[in-house]
PDB file of N, CA and C in Angstrom:
ATOM      1  N   ARG A   1     130.515  69.987 141.864  1.00  0.00           N
ATOM      2  CA  ARG A   1     130.801  69.358 140.744  1.00  0.00           C
ATOM      3  C   ARG A   1     131.714  70.360 139.815  1.00  0.00           C
ATOM      4  N   ARG A   2     131.058  71.543 139.674  1.00  0.00           N
ATOM      5  CA  ARG A   2     131.431  72.525 138.947  1.00  0.00           C
ATOM      6  C   ARG A   2     132.860  73.136 139.609  1.00  0.00           C
ATOM      7  N   LYS A   3     132.795  72.943 140.854  1.00  0.00           N
ATOM      8  CA  LYS A   3     134.094  73.610 141.639  1.00  0.00           C
ATOM      9  C   LYS A   3     135.300  72.864 141.114  1.00  0.00           C
ATOM     10  N   ALA A   4     135.199  71.426 140.759  1.00  0.00           N
ATOM     11  CA  ALA A   4     136.334  70.770 140.434  1.00  0.00           C
ATOM     12  C   ALA A   4     137.029  71.163 139.239  1.00  0.00           C
ATOM     13  N   PHE A   5     136.200  72.106 138.203  1.00  0.00           N
ATOM     14  CA  PHE A   5     136.872  72.625 137.038  1.00  0.00           C
ATOM     15  C   PHE A   5     136.938  74.249 136.953  1.00  0.00           C
ATOM     16  N   ALA A   6     136.670  74.571 138.099  1.00  0.00           N
ATOM     17  CA  ALA A   6     136.572  76.148 138.282  1.00  0.00           C
ATOM     18  C   ALA A   6     138.079  76.456 137.994  1.00  0.00           C
ATOM     19  N   GLY A   7     138.141  77.549 137.251  1.00  0.00           N
ATOM     20  CA  GLY A   7     139.547  78.374 137.344  1.00  0.00           C
ATOM     21  C   GLY A   7     140.200  77.811 135.921  1.00  0.00           C
ATOM     22  N   MET A   8     139.774  76.807 135.234  1.00  0.00           N
ATOM     23  CA  MET A   8     140.513  76.234 134.328  1.00  0.00           C
ATOM     24  C   MET A   8     140.214  76.642 133.065  1.00  0.00           C
ATOM     25  N   PRO A   9     141.065  76.768 131.954  1.00  0.00           N
ATOM     26  CA  PRO A   9     140.438  77.311 130.662  1.00  0.00           C
ATOM     27  C   PRO A   9     139.346  76.229 130.302  1.00  0.00           C
ATOM     28  N   VAL A  10     138.485  76.809 129.436  1.00  0.00           N
ATOM     29  CA  VAL A  10     137.180  76.270 128.860  1.00  0.00           C
ATOM     30  C   VAL A  10     137.537  74.987 128.453  1.00  0.00           C
ATOM     31  N   ALA A  11     138.288  74.635 127.324  1.00  0.00           N
ATOM     32  CA  ALA A  11     138.266  73.426 126.876  1.00  0.00           C
ATOM     33  C   ALA A  11     139.127  72.371 127.554  1.00  0.00           C
ATOM     34  N   ARG A  12     140.046  72.914 128.591  1.00  0.00           N
ATOM     35  CA  ARG A  12     140.465  71.788 129.479  1.00  0.00           C
ATOM     36  C   ARG A  12     139.472  71.326 130.394  1.00  0.00           C
ATOM     37  N   ALA A  13     138.463  72.172 130.986  1.00  0.00           N
ATOM     38  CA  ALA A  13     137.506  71.899 131.889  1.00  0.00           C
ATOM     39  C   ALA A  13     136.408  70.914 131.213  1.00  0.00           C
ATOM     40  N   ASN A  14     136.237  71.152 129.907  1.00  0.00           N
ATOM     41  CA  ASN A  14     135.423  70.403 129.323  1.00  0.00           C
ATOM     42  C   ASN A  14     135.880  69.014 128.993  1.00  0.00           C
ATOM     43  N   TYR A  15     137.124  68.878 128.672  1.00  0.00           N
ATOM     44  CA  TYR A  15     137.804  67.664 128.458  1.00  0.00           C
ATOM     45  C   TYR A  15     137.756  66.940 129.758  1.00  0.00           C
ATOM     46  N   GLY A  16     137.779  67.707 130.863  1.00  0.00           N
ATOM     47  CA  GLY A  16     137.886  66.833 131.933  1.00  0.00           C
ATOM     48  C   GLY A  16     136.544  66.415 132.368  1.00  0.00           C
ATOM     49  N   ARG A  17     135.617  67.171 132.105  1.00  0.00           N
ATOM     50  CA  ARG A  17     134.069  66.729 132.195  1.00  0.00           C
ATOM     51  C   ARG A  17     133.862  65.523 131.228  1.00  0.00           C
ATOM     52  N   LEU A  18     134.296  65.514 130.104  1.00  0.00           N
ATOM     53  CA  LEU A  18     134.150  64.181 129.181  1.00  0.00           C
ATOM     54  C   LEU A  18     134.852  63.260 129.756  1.00  0.00           C
ATOM     55  N   GLN A  19     135.946  63.305 130.250  1.00  0.00           N
ATOM     56  CA  GLN A  19     136.512  62.053 130.885  1.00  0.00           C
ATOM     57  C   GLN A  19     135.705  61.448 131.946  1.00  0.00           C
ATOM     58  N   ARG A  20     135.120  62.368 132.963  1.00  0.00           N
ATOM     59  CA  ARG A  20     134.397  62.137 133.870  1.00  0.00           C
ATOM     60  C   ARG A  20     133.184  61.488 133.584  1.00  0.00           C
ATOM     61  N   LEU A  21     132.543  62.099 132.624  1.00  0.00           N
ATOM     62  CA  LEU A  21     131.406  61.472 132.183  1.00  0.00           C
ATOM     63  C   LEU A  21     131.720  60.003 131.315  1.00  0.00           C
ATOM     64  N   GLY A  22     132.675  59.826 130.812  1.00  0.00           N
ATOM     65  CA  GLY A  22     133.234  58.672 130.202  1.00  0.00           C
ATOM     66  C   GLY A  22     133.261  57.585 131.091  1.00  0.00           C
ATOM     67  N   GLY A  23     133.751  57.861 132.378  1.00  0.00           N
ATOM     68  CA  GLY A  23     133.788  57.042 133.390  1.00  0.00           C
ATOM     69  C   GLY A  23     132.770  56.215 133.817  1.00  0.00           C
ATOM     70  N   PHE A  24     131.489  56.868 133.760  1.00  0.00           N
ATOM     71  CA  PHE A  24     130.112  56.247 134.015  1.00  0.00           C
ATOM     72  C   PHE A  24     129.613  55.216 133.015  1.00  0.00           C
ATOM     73  N   PHE A  25     130.355  55.258 131.943  1.00  0.00           N
ATOM     74  CA  PHE A  25     130.053  54.215 130.762  1.00  0.00           C
ATOM     75  C   PHE A  25     131.242  53.444 130.539  1.00  0.00           C
ATOM     76  N   GLY A  26     132.220  53.434 131.535  1.00  0.00           N
ATOM     77  CA  GLY A  26     133.380  52.472 131.446  1.00  0.00           C
ATOM     78  C   GLY A  26     134.460  52.756 130.369  1.00  0.00           C
ATOM     79  N   VAL A  27     134.515  54.193 130.030  1.00  0.00           N
ATOM     80  CA  VAL A  27     135.606  54.750 129.351  1.00  0.00           C
ATOM     81  C   VAL A  27     136.543  55.483 129.925  1.00  0.00           C
ATOM     82  N   SER A  28     137.415  54.530 130.719  1.00  0.00           N
ATOM     83  CA  SER A  28     138.374  55.726 131.592  1.00  0.00           C
ATOM     84  C   SER A  28     139.458  56.076 130.676  1.00  0.00           C
ATOM     85  N   PRO A  29     139.978  57.331 131.379  1.00  0.00           N
ATOM     86  CA  PRO A  29     140.989  58.047 130.627  1.00  0.00           C
ATOM     87  C   PRO A  29     142.446  57.164 130.956  1.00  0.00           C
ATOM     88  N   SER A  30     143.287  57.255 129.849  1.00  0.00           N
ATOM     89  CA  SER A  30     144.645  56.512 129.968  1.00  0.00           C
ATOM     90  C   SER A  30     145.554  57.391 129.507  1.00  0.00           C
ATOM     91  N   PRO A  31     146.735  57.528 130.197  1.00  0.00           N
ATOM     92  CA  PRO A  31     147.749  58.154 129.891  1.00  0.00           C
ATOM     93  C   PRO A  31     148.355  58.222 128.600  1.00  0.00           C
ATOM     94  N   GLU A  32     148.194  56.841 127.777  1.00  0.00           N
ATOM     95  CA  GLU A  32     148.818  56.491 126.579  1.00  0.00           C
ATOM     96  C   GLU A  32     148.132  57.169 125.519  1.00  0.00           C
ATOM     97  N   LEU A  33     146.723  57.415 125.880  1.00  0.00           N
ATOM     98  CA  LEU A  33     145.622  57.878 124.648  1.00  0.00           C
ATOM     99  C   LEU A  33     145.835  59.265 124.384  1.00  0.00           C
ATOM    100  N   THR A  34     145.869  59.973 123.231  1.00  0.00           N
ATOM    101  CA  THR A  34     145.630  61.150 122.955  1.00  0.00           C
ATOM    102  C   THR A  34     144.136  61.486 123.134  1.00  0.00           C
ATOM    103  N   PRO A  35     144.121  62.953 123.400  1.00  0.00           N
ATOM    104  CA  PRO A  35     142.701  63.364 123.552  1.00  0.00           C
ATOM    105  C   PRO A  35     141.639  62.646 122.482  1.00  0.00           C
ATOM    106  N   ARG A  36     141.942  62.842 121.182  1.00  0.00           N
ATOM    107  CA  ARG A  36     141.215  62.532 120.045  1.00  0.00           C
ATOM    108  C   ARG A  36     141.062  60.933 120.033  1.00  0.00           C
ATOM    109  N   GLU A  37     142.013  60.000 120.566  1.00  0.00           N
ATOM    110  CA  GLU A  37     141.968  58.447 120.800  1.00  0.00           C
ATOM    111  C   GLU A  37     140.898  58.187 121.819  1.00  0.00           C
ATOM    112  N   TYR A  38     140.957  59.046 122.798  1.00  0.00           N
ATOM    113  CA  TYR A  38     139.916  59.172 123.912  1.00  0.00           C
ATOM    114  C   TYR A  38     138.496  59.302 123.524  1.00  0.00           C
ATOM    115  N   ALA A  39     138.551  60.475 122.634  1.00  0.00           N
ATOM    116  CA  ALA A  39     136.985  60.877 122.299  1.00  0.00           C
ATOM    117  C   ALA A  39     136.654  59.580 121.142  1.00  0.00           C
ATOM    118  N   VAL A  40     137.425  59.055 120.527  1.00  0.00           N
ATOM    119  CA  VAL A  40     136.987  58.010 119.551  1.00  0.00           C
ATOM    120  C   VAL A  40     136.333  56.567 120.513  1.00  0.00           C
ATOM    121  N   ARG A  41     137.304  56.582 121.587  1.00  0.00           N
ATOM    122  CA  ARG A  41     136.703  55.355 122.435  1.00  0.00           C
ATOM    123  C   ARG A  41     135.426  55.714 123.263  1.00  0.00           C
ATOM    124  N   PHE A  42     135.267  56.963 123.651  1.00  0.00           N
ATOM    125  CA  PHE A  42     134.115  57.455 124.135  1.00  0.00           C
ATOM    126  C   PHE A  42     132.853  57.422 123.070  1.00  0.00           C
ATOM    127  N   GLY A  43     133.163  57.661 121.929  1.00  0.00           N
ATOM    128  CA  GLY A  43     132.090  57.638 120.914  1.00  0.00           C
ATOM    129  C   GLY A  43     131.788  56.287 120.488  1.00  0.00           C
ATOM    130  N   ALA A  44     132.608  55.382 120.718  1.00  0.00           N
ATOM    131  CA  ALA A  44     132.263  53.973 120.450  1.00  0.00           C
ATOM    132  C   ALA A  44     131.478  53.447 121.429  1.00  0.00           C
ATOM    133  N   ALA A  45     131.389  54.085 122.830  1.00  0.00           N
ATOM    134  CA  ALA A  45     130.631  53.515 123.876  1.00  0.00           C
ATOM    135  C   ALA A  45     129.303  54.266 123.729  1.00  0.00           C
ATOM    136  N   LYS A  46     129.160  55.564 123.111  1.00  0.00           N
ATOM    137  CA  LYS A  46     128.082  56.199 123.039  1.00  0.00           C
ATOM    138  C   LYS A  46     127.948  56.964 121.693  1.00  0.00           C
ATOM    139  N   PRO A  47     127.624  56.183 120.671  1.00  0.00           N
ATOM    140  CA  PRO A  47     127.700  56.733 119.375  1.00  0.00           C
ATOM    141  C   PRO A  47     127.023  58.165 119.020  1.00  0.00           C
ATOM    142  N   GLN A  48     125.792  58.431 119.734  1.00  0.00           N
ATOM    143  CA  GLN A  48     125.285  59.610 119.386  1.00  0.00           C
ATOM    144  C   GLN A  48     126.126  60.799 120.171  1.00  0.00           C
ATOM    145  N   ALA A  49     127.172  60.557 120.897  1.00  0.00           N
ATOM    146  CA  ALA A  49     127.955  61.633 121.748  1.00  0.00           C
ATOM    147  C   ALA A  49     129.275  61.476 120.665  1.00  0.00           C
ATOM    148  N   ALA A  50     129.459  60.737 119.863  1.00  0.00           N
ATOM    149  CA  ALA A  50     130.777  60.789 119.110  1.00  0.00           C
ATOM    150  C   ALA A  50     131.298  62.226 118.659  1.00  0.00           C
ATOM    151  N   ALA A  51     130.340  62.752 117.807  1.00  0.00           N
ATOM    152  CA  ALA A  51     130.852  64.096 117.347  1.00  0.00           C
ATOM    153  C   ALA A  51     131.388  65.191 118.169  1.00  0.00           C
ATOM    154  N   GLY A  52     130.419  65.141 119.303  1.00  0.00           N
ATOM    155  CA  GLY A  52     130.602  66.117 120.286  1.00  0.00           C
ATOM    156  C   GLY A  52     131.849  65.951 121.111  1.00  0.00           C
ATOM    157  N   ALA A  53     132.261  64.611 121.183  1.00  0.00           N
ATOM    158  CA  ALA A  53     133.355  64.144 121.967  1.00  0.00           C
ATOM    159  C   ALA A  53     134.705  64.654 121.451  1.00  0.00           C
ATOM    160  N   VAL A  54     134.609  64.173 120.096  1.00  0.00           N
ATOM    161  CA  VAL A  54     135.589  64.525 119.030  1.00  0.00           C
ATOM    162  C   VAL A  54     136.008  66.218 119.237  1.00  0.00           C
ATOM    163  N   ARG A  55     134.899  66.979 118.984  1.00  0.00           N
ATOM    164  CA  ARG A  55     134.909  68.422 119.217  1.00  0.00           C
ATOM    165  C   ARG A  55     135.380  68.846 120.294  1.00  0.00           C
ATOM    166  N   VAL A  56     135.042  68.194 121.325  1.00  0.00           N
ATOM    167  CA  VAL A  56     135.974  68.708 122.728  1.00  0.00           C
ATOM    168  C   VAL A  56     137.194  68.340 122.676  1.00  0.00           C
ATOM    169  N   ALA A  57     137.537  67.268 122.351  1.00  0.00           N
ATOM    170  CA  ALA A  57     139.213  66.729 122.153  1.00  0.00           C
ATOM    171  C   ALA A  57     139.767  67.439 121.215  1.00  0.00           C
ATOM    172  N   ASP A  58     139.402  68.091 120.200  1.00  0.00           N
ATOM    173  CA  ASP A  58     140.076  68.790 119.369  1.00  0.00           C
ATOM    174  C   ASP A  58     140.361  70.236 120.118  1.00  0.00           C
ATOM    175  N   ALA A  59     139.055  70.596 120.514  1.00  0.00           N
ATOM    176  CA  ALA A  59     139.295  71.933 121.036  1.00  0.00           C
ATOM    177  C   ALA A  59     140.270  71.942 122.133  1.00  0.00           C
ATOM    178  N   PHE A  60     140.350  70.886 122.999  1.00  0.00           N
ATOM    179  CA  PHE A  60     141.511  70.827 124.151  1.00  0.00           C
ATOM    180  C   PHE A  60     142.804  70.736 123.505  1.00  0.00           C
ATOM    181  N   THR A  61     142.841  69.966 122.267  1.00  0.00           N
ATOM    182  CA  THR A  61     144.374  69.900 121.924  1.00  0.00           C
ATOM    183  C   THR A  61     144.786  71.306 121.183  1.00  0.00           C
ATOM    184  N   GLN A  62     143.759  72.040 120.487  1.00  0.00           N
ATOM    185  CA  GLN A  62     144.150  73.359 120.139  1.00  0.00           C
ATOM    186  C   GLN A  62     144.678  74.210 121.264  1.00  0.00           C
ATOM    187  N   GLU A  63     143.921  74.113 122.254  1.00  0.00           N
ATOM    188  CA  GLU A  63     144.004  75.180 123.582  1.00  0.00           C
ATOM    189  C   GLU A  63     145.428  74.858 123.993  1.00  0.00           C
ATOM    190  N   GLN A  64     146.084  73.596 123.962  1.00  0.00           N
ATOM    191  CA  GLN A  64     147.119  73.171 124.381  1.00  0.00           C
ATOM    192  C   GLN A  64     148.347  73.456 123.583  1.00  0.00           C
ATOM    193  N   TYR A  65     148.319  73.209 122.320  1.00  0.00           N
ATOM    194  CA  TYR A  65     149.171  73.410 121.255  1.00  0.00           C
ATOM    195  C   TYR A  65     149.179  74.533 120.365  1.00  0.00           C
ATOM    196  N   ALA A  66     148.041  74.998 119.875  1.00  0.00           N
ATOM    197  CA  ALA A  66     147.862  75.921 118.870  1.00  0.00           C
ATOM    198  C   ALA A  66     148.392  77.289 119.449  1.00  0.00           C
ATOM    199  N   THR A  67     149.074  77.971 118.410  1.00  0.00           N
ATOM    200  CA  THR A  67     149.215  79.353 118.966  1.00  0.00           C
ATOM    201  C   THR A  67     148.627  80.281 117.899  1.00  0.00           C
ATOM    202  N   ASN A  68     148.304  79.950 116.810  1.00  0.00           N
ATOM    203  CA  ASN A  68     147.498  80.944 115.764  1.00  0.00           C
ATOM    204  C   ASN A  68     145.987  80.976 115.959  1.00  0.00           C
ATOM    205  N   VAL A  69     145.269  80.128 116.905  1.00  0.00           N
ATOM    206  CA  VAL A  69     143.923  80.190 116.918  1.00  0.00           C
ATOM    207  C   VAL A  69     143.378  80.927 117.923  1.00  0.00           C
ATOM    208  N   ASP A  70     142.262  81.589 117.720  1.00  0.00           N
ATOM    209  CA  ASP A  70     141.760  82.457 118.849  1.00  0.00           C
ATOM    210  C   ASP A  70     140.885  81.873 119.857  1.00  0.00           C
ATOM    211  N   ALA A  71     141.498  82.280 121.059  1.00  0.00           N
ATOM    212  CA  ALA A  71     141.097  81.549 122.381  1.00  0.00           C
ATOM    213  C   ALA A  71     139.462  81.491 122.618  1.00  0.00           C
ATOM    214  N   GLY A  72     138.626  82.475 122.027  1.00  0.00           N
ATOM    215  CA  GLY A  72     137.546  82.434 121.904  1.00  0.00           C
ATOM    216  C   GLY A  72     136.606  81.531 121.121  1.00  0.00           C
ATOM    217  N   THR A  73     137.280  81.429 119.833  1.00  0.00           N
ATOM    218  CA  THR A  73     136.821  80.352 118.937  1.00  0.00           C
ATOM    219  C   THR A  73     137.031  78.805 119.762  1.00  0.00           C
ATOM    220  N   ILE A  74     138.238  78.617 120.284  1.00  0.00           N
ATOM    221  CA  ILE A  74     138.303  77.416 120.824  1.00  0.00           C
ATOM    222  C   ILE A  74     137.364  77.293 122.007  1.00  0.00           C
ATOM    223  N   ALA A  75     137.101  78.144 122.737  1.00  0.00           N
ATOM    224  CA  ALA A  75     136.179  78.007 123.843  1.00  0.00           C
ATOM    225  C   ALA A  75     134.561  77.649 123.371  1.00  0.00           C
ATOM    226  N   GLN A  76     134.396  78.508 122.278  1.00  0.00           N
ATOM    227  CA  GLN A  76     132.905  78.254 121.787  1.00  0.00           C
ATOM    228  C   GLN A  76     132.806  76.800 121.385  1.00  0.00           C
ATOM    229  N   ASP A  77     133.849  76.415 120.402  1.00  0.00           N
ATOM    230  CA  ASP A  77     134.116  74.992 120.014  1.00  0.00           C
ATOM    231  C   ASP A  77     133.586  74.005 120.988  1.00  0.00           C
ATOM    232  N   SER A  78     134.534  74.379 122.083  1.00  0.00           N
ATOM    233  CA  SER A  78     134.481  73.224 123.190  1.00  0.00           C
ATOM    234  C   SER A  78     133.208  73.096 123.829  1.00  0.00           C
ATOM    235  N   GLU A  79     132.466  74.431 124.159  1.00  0.00           N
ATOM    236  CA  GLU A  79     131.297  74.577 124.817  1.00  0.00           C
ATOM    237  C   GLU A  79     130.178  73.791 123.745  1.00  0.00           C
ATOM    238  N   TYR A  80     130.331  73.840 122.608  1.00  0.00           N
ATOM    239  CA  TYR A  80     129.292  73.449 121.944  1.00  0.00           C
ATOM    240  C   TYR A  80     129.521  71.937 121.720  1.00  0.00           C
ATOM    241  N   GLY A  81     130.798  71.317 121.538  1.00  0.00           N
ATOM    242  CA  GLY A  81     130.982  69.922 121.630  1.00  0.00           C
ATOM    243  C   GLY A  81     130.578  69.204 122.871  1.00  0.00           C
ATOM    244  N   TRP A  82     130.825  70.230 124.054  1.00  0.00           N
ATOM    245  CA  TRP A  82     130.476  69.560 125.457  1.00  0.00           C
ATOM    246  C   TRP A  82     128.981  69.129 125.540  1.00  0.00           C
ATOM    247  N   HIS A  83     128.139  70.134 125.174  1.00  0.00           N
ATOM    248  CA  HIS A  83     126.747  70.042 125.024  1.00  0.00           C
ATOM    249  C   HIS A  83     126.378  69.052 124.274  1.00  0.00           C
ATOM    250  N   GLU A  84     126.690  69.064 123.017  1.00  0.00           N
ATOM    251  CA  GLU A  84     126.392  67.906 122.097  1.00  0.00           C
ATOM    252  C   GLU A  84     126.711  66.500 122.752  1.00  0.00           C
ATOM    253  N   ALA A  85     128.070  66.419 123.393  1.00  0.00           N
ATOM    254  CA  ALA A  85     128.277  64.986 123.817  1.00  0.00           C
ATOM    255  C   ALA A  85     127.733  64.803 125.035  1.00  0.00           C
ATOM    256  N   LYS A  86     127.156  65.672 125.958  1.00  0.00           N
ATOM    257  CA  LYS A  86     126.602  65.497 127.115  1.00  0.00           C
ATOM    258  C   LYS A  86     125.106  64.997 126.858  1.00  0.00           C
ATOM    259  N   GLU A  87     124.526  65.587 125.838  1.00  0.00           N
ATOM    260  CA  GLU A  87     123.132  65.287 125.469  1.00  0.00           C
ATOM    261  C   GLU A  87     123.101  63.909 124.634  1.00  0.00           C
ATOM    262  N   GLY A  88     123.980  63.729 123.853  1.00  0.00           N
ATOM    263  CA  GLY A  88     124.326  62.387 123.121  1.00  0.00           C
ATOM    264  C   GLY A  88     124.338  61.314 124.129  1.00  0.00           C
ATOM    265  N   ALA A  89     125.148  61.505 125.000  1.00  0.00           N
ATOM    266  CA  ALA A  89     125.201  60.237 126.163  1.00  0.00           C
ATOM    267  C   ALA A  89     124.192  60.118 127.110  1.00  0.00           C
ATOM    268  N   SER A  90     123.202  61.146 127.229  1.00  0.00           N
ATOM    269  CA  SER A  90     122.319  60.994 128.073  1.00  0.00           C
ATOM    270  C   SER A  90     121.053  59.919 127.865  1.00  0.00           C
ATOM    271  N   ASP A  91     120.843  59.213 128.887  1.00  0.00           N
ATOM    272  CA  ASP A  91     119.822  58.066 128.601  1.00  0.00           C
ATOM    273  C   ASP A  91     118.680  58.560 129.253  1.00  0.00           C
ATOM    274  N   TRP A  92     118.381  59.884 129.834  1.00  0.00           N
ATOM    275  CA  TRP A  92     117.466  60.406 130.515  1.00  0.00           C
ATOM    276  C   TRP A  92     115.935  60.226 129.814  1.00  0.00           C
ATOM    277  N   ARG A  93     116.088  60.351 128.474  1.00  0.00           N
ATOM    278  CA  ARG A  93     114.876  60.331 127.710  1.00  0.00           C
ATOM    279  C   ARG A  93     114.388  58.875 127.612  1.00  0.00           C
ATOM    280  N   LEU A  94     115.126  58.076 127.987  1.00  0.00           N
ATOM    281  CA  LEU A  94     114.436  56.662 127.863  1.00  0.00           C
ATOM    282  C   LEU A  94     113.711  56.258 129.030  1.00  0.00           C
ATOM    283  N   TRP A  95     114.019  57.029 130.113  1.00  0.00           N
ATOM    284  CA  TRP A  95     113.373  56.787 131.445  1.00  0.00           C
ATOM    285  C   TRP A  95     111.999  57.682 131.528  1.00  0.00           C
ATOM    286  N   ARG A  96     111.971  58.723 130.796  1.00  0.00           N
ATOM    287  CA  ARG A  96     110.929  59.861 130.902  1.00  0.00           C
ATOM    288  C   ARG A  96     109.490  59.233 130.587  1.00  0.00           C
ATOM    289  N   ARG A  97     108.502  59.500 131.467  1.00  0.00           N
ATOM    290  CA  ARG A  97     107.156  58.902 131.150  1.00  0.00           C
ATOM    291  C   ARG A  97     106.319  59.985 130.202  1.00  0.00           C
ATOM    292  N   ARG A  98     105.738  59.266 129.504  1.00  0.00           N
ATOM    293  CA  ARG A  98     105.050  60.078 128.478  1.00  0.00           C
ATOM    294  C   ARG A  98     103.574  60.294 128.835  1.00  0.00           C
TER     295      ARG A  98
END
């Protein structure tokens, strides 16, 4: 699975991962949605992941269009958002035995 995003810039790869994860919850990407609009839909499906999804989308948008933002900062924000979104969307804790 990691190979699908190998060689991509960090924010683009994480946005792709977010879209793939959203597909599992019925939130399919659509060409007419901006990255932030997609993240909001993702957050509506998984509220605990909403903030992380928006962070990933914003980092992706900055990576694509901003010229005065440090690439390292964008990558760091994207990674933080991806981990936040992934953990917020995960239901594994519900199935774990105590």
